[in-house]
């Protein structure tokens, strides 16, 4: 049992996916490299925000993830 990355991309899309996943009762972890880079004093580019879920929650979250990918 560990974390599984389900998304890498822009901050706005990551937040949208996070809201959809959490709406079905699955907890998410967001790693925001944009904010980390800003606080560190250097810049960062695209694909800087990652969304993770527990591997055990993947079967529950997969339909939402697939629908999200079709919508974007």
PDB file of N, CA and C in Angstrom:
ATOM      1  N   UNK A   1       0.840  -1.177   0.000  1.00  0.00           N
ATOM      2  CA  UNK A   1       0.000   0.000   0.000  1.00  0.00           C
ATOM      3  C   UNK A   1       0.882   1.237   0.000  1.00  0.00           C
ATOM      4  N   UNK A   2       0.689   2.038  -1.009  1.00  0.00           N
ATOM      5  CA  UNK A   2       1.463   3.252  -1.134  1.00  0.00           C
ATOM      6  C   UNK A   2       0.698   4.276  -1.930  1.00  0.00           C
ATOM      7  N   UNK A   3       1.387   5.345  -2.240  1.00  0.00           N
ATOM      8  CA  UNK A   3       0.769   6.404  -3.023  1.00  0.00           C
ATOM      9  C   UNK A   3       0.951   6.150  -4.502  1.00  0.00           C
ATOM     10  N   UNK A   4      -0.040   6.559  -5.274  1.00  0.00           N
ATOM     11  CA  UNK A   4      -0.028   6.413  -6.726  1.00  0.00           C
ATOM     12  C   UNK A   4      -0.287   7.779  -7.334  1.00  0.00           C
ATOM     13  N   UNK A   5       0.591   8.193  -8.261  1.00  0.00           N
ATOM     14  CA  UNK A   5       0.398   9.477  -8.941  1.00  0.00           C
ATOM     15  C   UNK A   5      -0.672   9.292 -10.003  1.00  0.00           C
ATOM     16  N   UNK A   6      -1.703  10.131  -9.947  1.00  0.00           N
ATOM     17  CA  UNK A   6      -2.788  10.029 -10.921  1.00  0.00           C
ATOM     18  C   UNK A   6      -2.836  11.216 -11.866  1.00  0.00           C
ATOM     19  N   UNK A   7      -2.038  12.262 -11.580  1.00  0.00           N
ATOM     20  CA  UNK A   7      -2.075  13.442 -12.442  1.00  0.00           C
ATOM     21  C   UNK A   7      -0.815  14.261 -12.265  1.00  0.00           C
ATOM     22  N   UNK A   8      -0.323  14.815 -13.361  1.00  0.00           N
ATOM     23  CA  UNK A   8       0.728  15.828 -13.380  1.00  0.00           C
ATOM     24  C   UNK A   8       0.300  16.882 -14.374  1.00  0.00           C
ATOM     25  N   UNK A   9       0.299  18.120 -13.964  1.00  0.00           N
ATOM     26  CA  UNK A   9      -0.107  19.170 -14.889  1.00  0.00           C
ATOM     27  C   UNK A   9      -0.213  20.510 -14.204  1.00  0.00           C
ATOM     28  N   UNK A  10      -1.094  21.344 -14.741  1.00  0.00           N
ATOM     29  CA  UNK A  10      -1.244  22.699 -14.226  1.00  0.00           C
ATOM     30  C   UNK A  10      -1.967  22.691 -12.879  1.00  0.00           C
ATOM     31  N   UNK A  11      -1.788  23.765 -12.154  1.00  0.00           N
ATOM     32  CA  UNK A  11      -2.395  23.890 -10.832  1.00  0.00           C
ATOM     33  C   UNK A  11      -3.924  23.906 -10.912  1.00  0.00           C
ATOM     34  N   UNK A  12      -4.462  24.558 -11.905  1.00  0.00           N
ATOM     35  CA  UNK A  12      -5.923  24.655 -12.051  1.00  0.00           C
ATOM     36  C   UNK A  12      -6.535  23.288 -12.335  1.00  0.00           C
ATOM     37  N   UNK A  13      -5.944  22.530 -13.259  1.00  0.00           N
ATOM     38  CA  UNK A  13      -6.461  21.201 -13.561  1.00  0.00           C
ATOM     39  C   UNK A  13      -6.291  20.253 -12.378  1.00  0.00           C
ATOM     40  N   UNK A  14      -5.198  20.377 -11.662  1.00  0.00           N
ATOM     41  CA  UNK A  14      -4.968  19.535 -10.488  1.00  0.00           C
ATOM     42  C   UNK A  14      -6.032  19.789  -9.430  1.00  0.00           C
ATOM     43  N   UNK A  15      -6.379  21.048  -9.218  1.00  0.00           N
ATOM     44  CA  UNK A  15      -7.413  21.380  -8.235  1.00  0.00           C
ATOM     45  C   UNK A  15      -8.770  20.844  -8.666  1.00  0.00           C
ATOM     46  N   UNK A  16      -9.056  20.917  -9.961  1.00  0.00           N
ATOM     47  CA  UNK A  16     -10.331  20.405 -10.469  1.00  0.00           C
ATOM     48  C   UNK A  16     -10.431  18.894 -10.248  1.00  0.00           C
ATOM     49  N   UNK A  17      -9.371  18.171 -10.548  1.00  0.00           N
ATOM     50  CA  UNK A  17      -9.378  16.727 -10.340  1.00  0.00           C
ATOM     51  C   UNK A  17      -9.454  16.402  -8.858  1.00  0.00           C
ATOM     52  N   UNK A  18      -8.709  17.127  -8.045  1.00  0.00           N
ATOM     53  CA  UNK A  18      -8.725  16.896  -6.608  1.00  0.00           C
ATOM     54  C   UNK A  18     -10.147  17.035  -6.059  1.00  0.00           C
ATOM     55  N   UNK A  19     -10.874  18.053  -6.477  1.00  0.00           N
ATOM     56  CA  UNK A  19     -12.248  18.254  -6.013  1.00  0.00           C
ATOM     57  C   UNK A  19     -13.146  17.102  -6.426  1.00  0.00           C
ATOM     58  N   UNK A  20     -13.005  16.624  -7.655  1.00  0.00           N
ATOM     59  CA  UNK A  20     -13.832  15.506  -8.128  1.00  0.00           C
ATOM     60  C   UNK A  20     -13.534  14.220  -7.360  1.00  0.00           C
ATOM     61  N   UNK A  21     -12.263  13.967  -7.115  1.00  0.00           N
ATOM     62  CA  UNK A  21     -11.868  12.746  -6.401  1.00  0.00           C
ATOM     63  C   UNK A  21     -12.353  12.798  -4.946  1.00  0.00           C
ATOM     64  N   UNK A  22     -12.168  13.932  -4.295  1.00  0.00           N
ATOM     65  CA  UNK A  22     -12.579  14.053  -2.899  1.00  0.00           C
ATOM     66  C   UNK A  22     -14.096  14.040  -2.745  1.00  0.00           C
ATOM     67  N   UNK A  23     -14.843  14.404  -3.801  1.00  0.00           N
ATOM     68  CA  UNK A  23     -16.300  14.371  -3.760  1.00  0.00           C
ATOM     69  C   UNK A  23     -16.832  12.943  -3.641  1.00  0.00           C
ATOM     70  N   UNK A  24     -16.047  11.941  -4.071  1.00  0.00           N
ATOM     71  CA  UNK A  24     -16.485  10.548  -3.951  1.00  0.00           C
ATOM     72  C   UNK A  24     -15.906   9.878  -2.705  1.00  0.00           C
ATOM     73  N   UNK A  25     -15.270  10.669  -1.854  1.00  0.00           N
ATOM     74  CA  UNK A  25     -14.780  10.152  -0.584  1.00  0.00           C
ATOM     75  C   UNK A  25     -13.378   9.577  -0.587  1.00  0.00           C
ATOM     76  N   UNK A  26     -12.569   9.925  -1.602  1.00  0.00           N
ATOM     77  CA  UNK A  26     -11.187   9.458  -1.673  1.00  0.00           C
ATOM     78  C   UNK A  26     -10.267  10.627  -1.337  1.00  0.00           C
ATOM     79  N   UNK A  27      -9.384  10.408  -0.370  1.00  0.00           N
ATOM     80  CA  UNK A  27      -8.434  11.453   0.018  1.00  0.00           C
ATOM     81  C   UNK A  27      -7.330  11.585  -1.026  1.00  0.00           C
ATOM     82  N   UNK A  28      -6.892  12.813  -1.232  1.00  0.00           N
ATOM     83  CA  UNK A  28      -5.815  13.089  -2.182  1.00  0.00           C
ATOM     84  C   UNK A  28      -4.672  13.804  -1.480  1.00  0.00           C
ATOM     85  N   UNK A  29      -3.511  13.713  -2.089  1.00  0.00           N
ATOM     86  CA  UNK A  29      -2.345  14.478  -1.660  1.00  0.00           C
ATOM     87  C   UNK A  29      -1.856  15.233  -2.888  1.00  0.00           C
ATOM     88  N   UNK A  30      -1.649  16.533  -2.734  1.00  0.00           N
ATOM     89  CA  UNK A  30      -1.198  17.369  -3.839  1.00  0.00           C
ATOM     90  C   UNK A  30       0.211  17.848  -3.540  1.00  0.00           C
ATOM     91  N   UNK A  31       1.105  17.633  -4.497  1.00  0.00           N
ATOM     92  CA  UNK A  31       2.477  18.135  -4.400  1.00  0.00           C
ATOM     93  C   UNK A  31       2.591  19.283  -5.393  1.00  0.00           C
ATOM     94  N   UNK A  32       2.727  20.482  -4.859  1.00  0.00           N
ATOM     95  CA  UNK A  32       2.740  21.679  -5.687  1.00  0.00           C
ATOM     96  C   UNK A  32       4.172  22.192  -5.811  1.00  0.00           C
ATOM     97  N   UNK A  33       4.852  21.806  -6.869  1.00  0.00           N
ATOM     98  CA  UNK A  33       6.233  22.227  -7.082  1.00  0.00           C
ATOM     99  C   UNK A  33       6.342  23.701  -7.475  1.00  0.00           C
ATOM    100  N   UNK A  34       5.254  24.284  -7.967  1.00  0.00           N
ATOM    101  CA  UNK A  34       5.267  25.708  -8.328  1.00  0.00           C
ATOM    102  C   UNK A  34       5.456  26.537  -7.058  1.00  0.00           C
ATOM    103  N   UNK A  35       4.650  26.260  -6.043  1.00  0.00           N
ATOM    104  CA  UNK A  35       4.752  27.000  -4.788  1.00  0.00           C
ATOM    105  C   UNK A  35       6.074  26.705  -4.086  1.00  0.00           C
ATOM    106  N   UNK A  36       6.521  25.464  -4.135  1.00  0.00           N
ATOM    107  CA  UNK A  36       7.802  25.112  -3.524  1.00  0.00           C
ATOM    108  C   UNK A  36       8.950  25.871  -4.183  1.00  0.00           C
ATOM    109  N   UNK A  37       8.917  25.961  -5.505  1.00  0.00           N
ATOM    110  CA  UNK A  37       9.964  26.672  -6.233  1.00  0.00           C
ATOM    111  C   UNK A  37       9.917  28.162  -5.927  1.00  0.00           C
ATOM    112  N   UNK A  38       8.710  28.702  -5.857  1.00  0.00           N
ATOM    113  CA  UNK A  38       8.564  30.127  -5.558  1.00  0.00           C
ATOM    114  C   UNK A  38       9.120  30.448  -4.178  1.00  0.00           C
ATOM    115  N   UNK A  39       8.801  29.604  -3.216  1.00  0.00           N
ATOM    116  CA  UNK A  39       9.297  29.844  -1.858  1.00  0.00           C
ATOM    117  C   UNK A  39      10.804  29.653  -1.770  1.00  0.00           C
ATOM    118  N   UNK A  40      11.346  28.805  -2.643  1.00  0.00           N
ATOM    119  CA  UNK A  40      12.785  28.584  -2.665  1.00  0.00           C
ATOM    120  C   UNK A  40      13.550  29.658  -3.416  1.00  0.00           C
ATOM    121  N   UNK A  41      12.835  30.518  -4.132  1.00  0.00           N
ATOM    122  CA  UNK A  41      13.478  31.621  -4.821  1.00  0.00           C
ATOM    123  C   UNK A  41      13.855  31.334  -6.260  1.00  0.00           C
ATOM    124  N   UNK A  42      13.325  30.262  -6.830  1.00  0.00           N
ATOM    125  CA  UNK A  42      13.594  29.986  -8.234  1.00  0.00           C
ATOM    126  C   UNK A  42      12.298  29.595  -8.927  1.00  0.00           C
ATOM    127  N   UNK A  43      12.304  29.629 -10.243  1.00  0.00           N
ATOM    128  CA  UNK A  43      11.093  29.383 -11.006  1.00  0.00           C
ATOM    129  C   UNK A  43      10.857  27.925 -11.316  1.00  0.00           C
ATOM    130  N   UNK A  44       9.662  27.643 -11.787  1.00  0.00           N
ATOM    131  CA  UNK A  44       9.299  26.284 -12.183  1.00  0.00           C
ATOM    132  C   UNK A  44       8.379  26.391 -13.396  1.00  0.00           C
ATOM    133  N   UNK A  45       8.358  25.341 -14.202  1.00  0.00           N
ATOM    134  CA  UNK A  45       7.528  25.368 -15.406  1.00  0.00           C
ATOM    135  C   UNK A  45       6.367  24.398 -15.290  1.00  0.00           C
ATOM    136  N   UNK A  46       5.735  24.092 -16.415  1.00  0.00           N
ATOM    137  CA  UNK A  46       4.537  23.276 -16.444  1.00  0.00           C
ATOM    138  C   UNK A  46       4.761  21.870 -15.882  1.00  0.00           C
ATOM    139  N   UNK A  47       3.678  21.142 -15.709  1.00  0.00           N
ATOM    140  CA  UNK A  47       3.655  19.818 -15.104  1.00  0.00           C
ATOM    141  C   UNK A  47       4.259  19.831 -13.707  1.00  0.00           C
ATOM    142  N   UNK A  48       4.027  20.932 -13.012  1.00  0.00           N
ATOM    143  CA  UNK A  48       4.658  21.107 -11.719  1.00  0.00           C
ATOM    144  C   UNK A  48       3.752  20.737 -10.548  1.00  0.00           C
ATOM    145  N   UNK A  49       2.490  20.384 -10.797  1.00  0.00           N
ATOM    146  CA  UNK A  49       1.581  20.000  -9.724  1.00  0.00           C
ATOM    147  C   UNK A  49       1.184  18.546  -9.944  1.00  0.00           C
ATOM    148  N   UNK A  50       1.338  17.742  -8.890  1.00  0.00           N
ATOM    149  CA  UNK A  50       1.033  16.315  -8.977  1.00  0.00           C
ATOM    150  C   UNK A  50      -0.036  15.961  -7.948  1.00  0.00           C
ATOM    151  N   UNK A  51      -0.939  15.056  -8.330  1.00  0.00           N
ATOM    152  CA  UNK A  51      -2.001  14.589  -7.438  1.00  0.00           C
ATOM    153  C   UNK A  51      -1.777  13.101  -7.199  1.00  0.00           C
ATOM    154  N   UNK A  52      -1.830  12.710  -5.934  1.00  0.00           N
ATOM    155  CA  UNK A  52      -1.629  11.326  -5.539  1.00  0.00           C
ATOM    156  C   UNK A  52      -2.836  10.816  -4.759  1.00  0.00           C
ATOM    157  N   UNK A  53      -3.085   9.497  -4.853  1.00  0.00           N
ATOM    158  CA  UNK A  53      -4.073   8.821  -4.016  1.00  0.00           C
ATOM    159  C   UNK A  53      -3.442   7.527  -3.502  1.00  0.00           C
ATOM    160  N   UNK A  54      -4.083   6.907  -2.531  1.00  0.00           N
ATOM    161  CA  UNK A  54      -3.635   5.601  -2.066  1.00  0.00           C
ATOM    162  C   UNK A  54      -3.931   4.568  -3.144  1.00  0.00           C
ATOM    163  N   UNK A  55      -3.023   3.625  -3.336  1.00  0.00           N
ATOM    164  CA  UNK A  55      -3.224   2.572  -4.335  1.00  0.00           C
ATOM    165  C   UNK A  55      -4.519   1.809  -4.093  1.00  0.00           C
ATOM    166  N   UNK A  56      -4.883   1.629  -2.828  1.00  0.00           N
ATOM    167  CA  UNK A  56      -6.097   0.869  -2.489  1.00  0.00           C
ATOM    168  C   UNK A  56      -7.370   1.592  -2.914  1.00  0.00           C
ATOM    169  N   UNK A  57      -7.304   2.909  -3.164  1.00  0.00           N
ATOM    170  CA  UNK A  57      -8.470   3.687  -3.578  1.00  0.00           C
ATOM    171  C   UNK A  57      -8.596   3.807  -5.093  1.00  0.00           C
ATOM    172  N   UNK A  58      -7.653   3.223  -5.833  1.00  0.00           N
ATOM    173  CA  UNK A  58      -7.637   3.425  -7.283  1.00  0.00           C
ATOM    174  C   UNK A  58      -8.894   2.896  -7.963  1.00  0.00           C
ATOM    175  N   UNK A  59      -9.362   1.730  -7.573  1.00  0.00           N
ATOM    176  CA  UNK A  59     -10.539   1.162  -8.245  1.00  0.00           C
ATOM    177  C   UNK A  59     -11.765   2.054  -8.055  1.00  0.00           C
ATOM    178  N   UNK A  60     -11.870   2.713  -6.915  1.00  0.00           N
ATOM    179  CA  UNK A  60     -12.987   3.632  -6.668  1.00  0.00           C
ATOM    180  C   UNK A  60     -12.819   4.933  -7.448  1.00  0.00           C
ATOM    181  N   UNK A  61     -11.581   5.411  -7.563  1.00  0.00           N
ATOM    182  CA  UNK A  61     -11.317   6.705  -8.195  1.00  0.00           C
ATOM    183  C   UNK A  61     -11.157   6.624  -9.711  1.00  0.00           C
ATOM    184  N   UNK A  62     -10.859   5.455 -10.236  1.00  0.00           N
ATOM    185  CA  UNK A  62     -10.561   5.326 -11.668  1.00  0.00           C
ATOM    186  C   UNK A  62     -11.666   5.852 -12.592  1.00  0.00           C
ATOM    187  N   UNK A  63     -12.957   5.555 -12.353  1.00  0.00           N
ATOM    188  CA  UNK A  63     -13.984   6.121 -13.243  1.00  0.00           C
ATOM    189  C   UNK A  63     -13.977   7.652 -13.269  1.00  0.00           C
ATOM    190  N   UNK A  64     -13.720   8.280 -12.129  1.00  0.00           N
ATOM    191  CA  UNK A  64     -13.671   9.747 -12.054  1.00  0.00           C
ATOM    192  C   UNK A  64     -12.455  10.267 -12.814  1.00  0.00           C
ATOM    193  N   UNK A  65     -11.323   9.574 -12.665  1.00  0.00           N
ATOM    194  CA  UNK A  65     -10.095   9.981 -13.352  1.00  0.00           C
ATOM    195  C   UNK A  65     -10.294   9.885 -14.865  1.00  0.00           C
ATOM    196  N   UNK A  66     -10.853   8.789 -15.325  1.00  0.00           N
ATOM    197  CA  UNK A  66     -11.085   8.606 -16.757  1.00  0.00           C
ATOM    198  C   UNK A  66     -12.044   9.647 -17.315  1.00  0.00           C
ATOM    199  N   UNK A  67     -13.104   9.953 -16.586  1.00  0.00           N
ATOM    200  CA  UNK A  67     -14.053  10.982 -17.040  1.00  0.00           C
ATOM    201  C   UNK A  67     -13.382  12.342 -17.096  1.00  0.00           C
ATOM    202  N   UNK A  68     -12.539  12.633 -16.112  1.00  0.00           N
ATOM    203  CA  UNK A  68     -11.808  13.896 -16.092  1.00  0.00           C
ATOM    204  C   UNK A  68     -10.912  14.007 -17.313  1.00  0.00           C
ATOM    205  N   UNK A  69     -10.220  12.936 -17.644  1.00  0.00           N
ATOM    206  CA  UNK A  69      -9.335  12.952 -18.833  1.00  0.00           C
ATOM    207  C   UNK A  69     -10.125  13.152 -20.114  1.00  0.00           C
ATOM    208  N   UNK A  70     -11.322  12.587 -20.185  1.00  0.00           N
ATOM    209  CA  UNK A  70     -12.150  12.786 -21.363  1.00  0.00           C
ATOM    210  C   UNK A  70     -12.658  14.228 -21.456  1.00  0.00           C
ATOM    211  N   UNK A  71     -12.872  14.857 -20.313  1.00  0.00           N
ATOM    212  CA  UNK A  71     -13.409  16.222 -20.280  1.00  0.00           C
ATOM    213  C   UNK A  71     -12.372  17.275 -20.658  1.00  0.00           C
ATOM    214  N   UNK A  72     -11.083  16.985 -20.413  1.00  0.00           N
ATOM    215  CA  UNK A  72     -10.073  17.997 -20.728  1.00  0.00           C
ATOM    216  C   UNK A  72      -9.574  17.754 -22.080  1.00  0.00           C
TER     217      UNK A  72
END
